[in-house]
Amino acid sequence: MSPSGGKLWRFRFRFQGKAGILALGKYPAVGLSDARQKAHEARVQLAQGINPSQAKKEAKVVAQIAATNAFELVAREWHEKQLDRWTPDHARRVMDSLEIRSRLALMG
């Protein structure tokens, strides 16, 4: 149980001699069978020499980049459709703004 009263499924492990804890999900949103499956997957990663905590963080970053790329594709398509309605200067400013927002989203 966490200090705030929430109940979490956790997996304790050791990787390269250091203790680690991997959060598997919040109870009751994640059921026992799901938590056991996630723990099994973490054990497989450990057996392969992969830190499950680091792998989870990397997967989160990859998902964030994929979501940003999806936004970028839609934004560029929208921008192309608006070009005939905008002046070239306005179109450049809009694209600059979108690119800045995209870079900021990647920084997190």
C-alpha atoms as a PDB file:
ATOM      1  CA  MET A   1       0.000   0.000   0.000  1.00  0.00           C
ATOM      2  CA  SER A   2       1.344   3.431  -0.880  1.00  0.00           C
ATOM      3  CA  PRO A   3       1.360   6.329   1.631  1.00  0.00           C
ATOM      4  CA  SER A   4      -1.646   7.850  -0.145  1.00  0.00           C
ATOM      5  CA  GLY A   5      -3.634   4.657   0.364  1.00  0.00           C
ATOM      6  CA  GLY A   6      -3.448   3.228  -3.157  1.00  0.00           C
ATOM      7  CA  LYS A   7      -2.666  -0.424  -3.678  1.00  0.00           C
ATOM      8  CA  LEU A   8      -0.097  -1.330  -6.308  1.00  0.00           C
ATOM      9  CA  TRP A   9       1.202  -4.553  -7.796  1.00  0.00           C
ATOM     10  CA  ARG A  10       4.999  -4.502  -7.579  1.00  0.00           C
ATOM     11  CA  PHE A  11       7.764  -6.818  -8.660  1.00  0.00           C
ATOM     12  CA  ARG A  12      10.976  -6.812  -6.643  1.00  0.00           C
ATOM     13  CA  PHE A  13      14.123  -7.903  -8.451  1.00  0.00           C
ATOM     14  CA  ARG A  14      17.888  -7.691  -8.458  1.00  0.00           C
ATOM     15  CA  PHE A  15      19.789  -6.642 -11.554  1.00  0.00           C
ATOM     16  CA  GLN A  16      23.594  -6.626 -11.559  1.00  0.00           C
ATOM     17  CA  GLY A  17      23.598  -6.827  -7.765  1.00  0.00           C
ATOM     18  CA  LYS A  18      21.268  -3.857  -7.277  1.00  0.00           C
ATOM     19  CA  ALA A  19      17.744  -4.101  -5.934  1.00  0.00           C
ATOM     20  CA  GLY A  20      14.914  -2.748  -8.027  1.00  0.00           C
ATOM     21  CA  ILE A  21      11.135  -2.476  -7.913  1.00  0.00           C
ATOM     22  CA  LEU A  22       8.931  -2.489 -10.988  1.00  0.00           C
ATOM     23  CA  ALA A  23       5.383  -1.160 -10.747  1.00  0.00           C
ATOM     24  CA  LEU A  24       3.035  -3.591 -12.497  1.00  0.00           C
ATOM     25  CA  GLY A  25      -0.154  -1.582 -12.129  1.00  0.00           C
ATOM     26  CA  LYS A  26      -2.711  -0.233  -9.721  1.00  0.00           C
ATOM     27  CA  TYR A  27      -5.151  -2.555  -7.975  1.00  0.00           C
ATOM     28  CA  PRO A  28      -8.026  -3.173  -8.876  1.00  0.00           C
ATOM     29  CA  ALA A  29      -7.526  -1.754 -12.407  1.00  0.00           C
ATOM     30  CA  VAL A  30      -4.888  -4.444 -12.986  1.00  0.00           C
ATOM     31  CA  GLY A  31      -6.075  -7.860 -11.898  1.00  0.00           C
ATOM     32  CA  LEU A  32      -4.027 -10.627 -10.316  1.00  0.00           C
ATOM     33  CA  SER A  33      -3.639 -12.620 -13.537  1.00  0.00           C
ATOM     34  CA  ASP A  34      -2.440  -9.511 -15.425  1.00  0.00           C
ATOM     35  CA  ALA A  35       0.025  -8.675 -12.646  1.00  0.00           C
ATOM     36  CA  ARG A  36       1.357 -12.239 -12.711  1.00  0.00           C
ATOM     37  CA  GLN A  37       1.748 -12.074 -16.493  1.00  0.00           C
ATOM     38  CA  LYS A  38       3.680  -8.796 -16.239  1.00  0.00           C
ATOM     39  CA  ALA A  39       5.889 -10.276 -13.490  1.00  0.00           C
ATOM     40  CA  HIS A  40       6.562 -13.294 -15.711  1.00  0.00           C
ATOM     41  CA  GLU A  41       7.554 -10.997 -18.585  1.00  0.00           C
ATOM     42  CA  ALA A  42       9.911  -9.129 -16.222  1.00  0.00           C
ATOM     43  CA  ARG A  43      11.495 -12.443 -15.162  1.00  0.00           C
ATOM     44  CA  VAL A  44      12.050 -13.335 -18.817  1.00  0.00           C
ATOM     45  CA  GLN A  45      13.744  -9.983 -19.381  1.00  0.00           C
ATOM     46  CA  LEU A  46      15.983 -10.552 -16.365  1.00  0.00           C
ATOM     47  CA  ALA A  47      16.926 -13.977 -17.702  1.00  0.00           C
ATOM     48  CA  GLN A  48      17.926 -12.287 -20.980  1.00  0.00           C
ATOM     49  CA  GLY A  49      20.092  -9.761 -19.117  1.00  0.00           C
ATOM     50  CA  ILE A  50      17.660  -6.872 -19.569  1.00  0.00           C
ATOM     51  CA  ASN A  51      16.746  -4.510 -16.734  1.00  0.00           C
ATOM     52  CA  PRO A  52      12.901  -4.583 -16.763  1.00  0.00           C
ATOM     53  CA  SER A  53      12.636  -1.138 -15.191  1.00  0.00           C
ATOM     54  CA  GLN A  54      14.873   0.416 -17.839  1.00  0.00           C
ATOM     55  CA  ALA A  55      13.037  -1.478 -20.603  1.00  0.00           C
ATOM     56  CA  LYS A  56       9.718  -0.065 -19.366  1.00  0.00           C
ATOM     57  CA  LYS A  57      11.121   3.492 -19.413  1.00  0.00           C
ATOM     58  CA  GLU A  58      12.488   3.015 -22.925  1.00  0.00           C
ATOM     59  CA  ALA A  59       9.152   1.631 -24.138  1.00  0.00           C
ATOM     60  CA  LYS A  60       7.418   4.695 -22.715  1.00  0.00           C
ATOM     61  CA  VAL A  61       9.798   7.018 -24.591  1.00  0.00           C
ATOM     62  CA  VAL A  62       9.275   5.068 -27.831  1.00  0.00           C
ATOM     63  CA  ALA A  63       5.486   5.338 -27.403  1.00  0.00           C
ATOM     64  CA  GLN A  64       5.779   9.076 -26.753  1.00  0.00           C
ATOM     65  CA  ILE A  65       7.881   9.540 -29.900  1.00  0.00           C
ATOM     66  CA  ALA A  66       5.404   7.497 -31.936  1.00  0.00           C
ATOM     67  CA  ALA A  67       2.528   9.643 -30.674  1.00  0.00           C
ATOM     68  CA  THR A  68       4.460  12.806 -31.511  1.00  0.00           C
ATOM     69  CA  ASN A  69       5.237  11.467 -34.990  1.00  0.00           C
ATOM     70  CA  ALA A  70       1.548  10.696 -35.523  1.00  0.00           C
ATOM     71  CA  PHE A  71       0.672  14.262 -34.546  1.00  0.00           C
ATOM     72  CA  GLU A  72       3.365  15.581 -36.859  1.00  0.00           C
ATOM     73  CA  LEU A  73       1.977  13.629 -39.821  1.00  0.00           C
ATOM     74  CA  VAL A  74      -1.542  14.920 -39.227  1.00  0.00           C
ATOM     75  CA  ALA A  75      -0.297  18.472 -38.652  1.00  0.00           C
ATOM     76  CA  ARG A  76       1.738  18.464 -41.864  1.00  0.00           C
ATOM     77  CA  GLU A  77      -1.243  17.115 -43.839  1.00  0.00           C
ATOM     78  CA  TRP A  78      -3.469  19.830 -42.353  1.00  0.00           C
ATOM     79  CA  HIS A  79      -0.837  22.463 -43.146  1.00  0.00           C
ATOM     80  CA  GLU A  80      -0.684  21.325 -46.789  1.00  0.00           C
ATOM     81  CA  LYS A  81      -4.459  21.628 -47.122  1.00  0.00           C
ATOM     82  CA  GLN A  82      -4.394  25.202 -45.760  1.00  0.00           C
ATOM     83  CA  LEU A  83      -1.603  26.528 -48.014  1.00  0.00           C
ATOM     84  CA  ASP A  84      -3.914  27.906 -50.695  1.00  0.00           C
ATOM     85  CA  ARG A  85      -5.779  29.944 -48.064  1.00  0.00           C
ATOM     86  CA  TRP A  86      -2.691  31.437 -46.359  1.00  0.00           C
ATOM     87  CA  THR A  87       0.012  33.859 -47.350  1.00  0.00           C
ATOM     88  CA  PRO A  88       3.496  32.313 -47.606  1.00  0.00           C
ATOM     89  CA  ASP A  89       4.655  34.247 -44.535  1.00  0.00           C
ATOM     90  CA  HIS A  90       1.736  33.010 -42.434  1.00  0.00           C
ATOM     91  CA  ALA A  91       2.272  29.417 -43.628  1.00  0.00           C
ATOM     92  CA  ARG A  92       5.941  29.615 -42.592  1.00  0.00           C
ATOM     93  CA  ARG A  93       5.035  30.980 -39.140  1.00  0.00           C
ATOM     94  CA  VAL A  94       2.454  28.226 -38.594  1.00  0.00           C
ATOM     95  CA  MET A  95       4.973  25.534 -39.586  1.00  0.00           C
ATOM     96  CA  ASP A  96       7.632  27.051 -37.315  1.00  0.00           C
ATOM     97  CA  SER A  97       5.156  27.016 -34.436  1.00  0.00           C
ATOM     98  CA  LEU A  98       4.237  23.379 -35.053  1.00  0.00           C
ATOM     99  CA  GLU A  99       7.896  22.339 -35.211  1.00  0.00           C
ATOM    100  CA  ILE A 100       8.705  24.140 -31.951  1.00  0.00           C
ATOM    101  CA  ARG A 101       5.768  22.455 -30.211  1.00  0.00           C
ATOM    102  CA  SER A 102       6.875  19.093 -31.574  1.00  0.00           C
ATOM    103  CA  ARG A 103      10.413  19.551 -30.194  1.00  0.00           C
ATOM    104  CA  LEU A 104       9.039  20.620 -26.816  1.00  0.00           C
ATOM    105  CA  ALA A 105       6.798  17.528 -26.677  1.00  0.00           C
ATOM    106  CA  LEU A 106       9.819  15.286 -27.284  1.00  0.00           C
ATOM    107  CA  MET A 107      11.699  16.928 -24.425  1.00  0.00           C
ATOM    108  CA  GLY A 108       8.836  15.907 -22.225  1.00  0.00           C
END
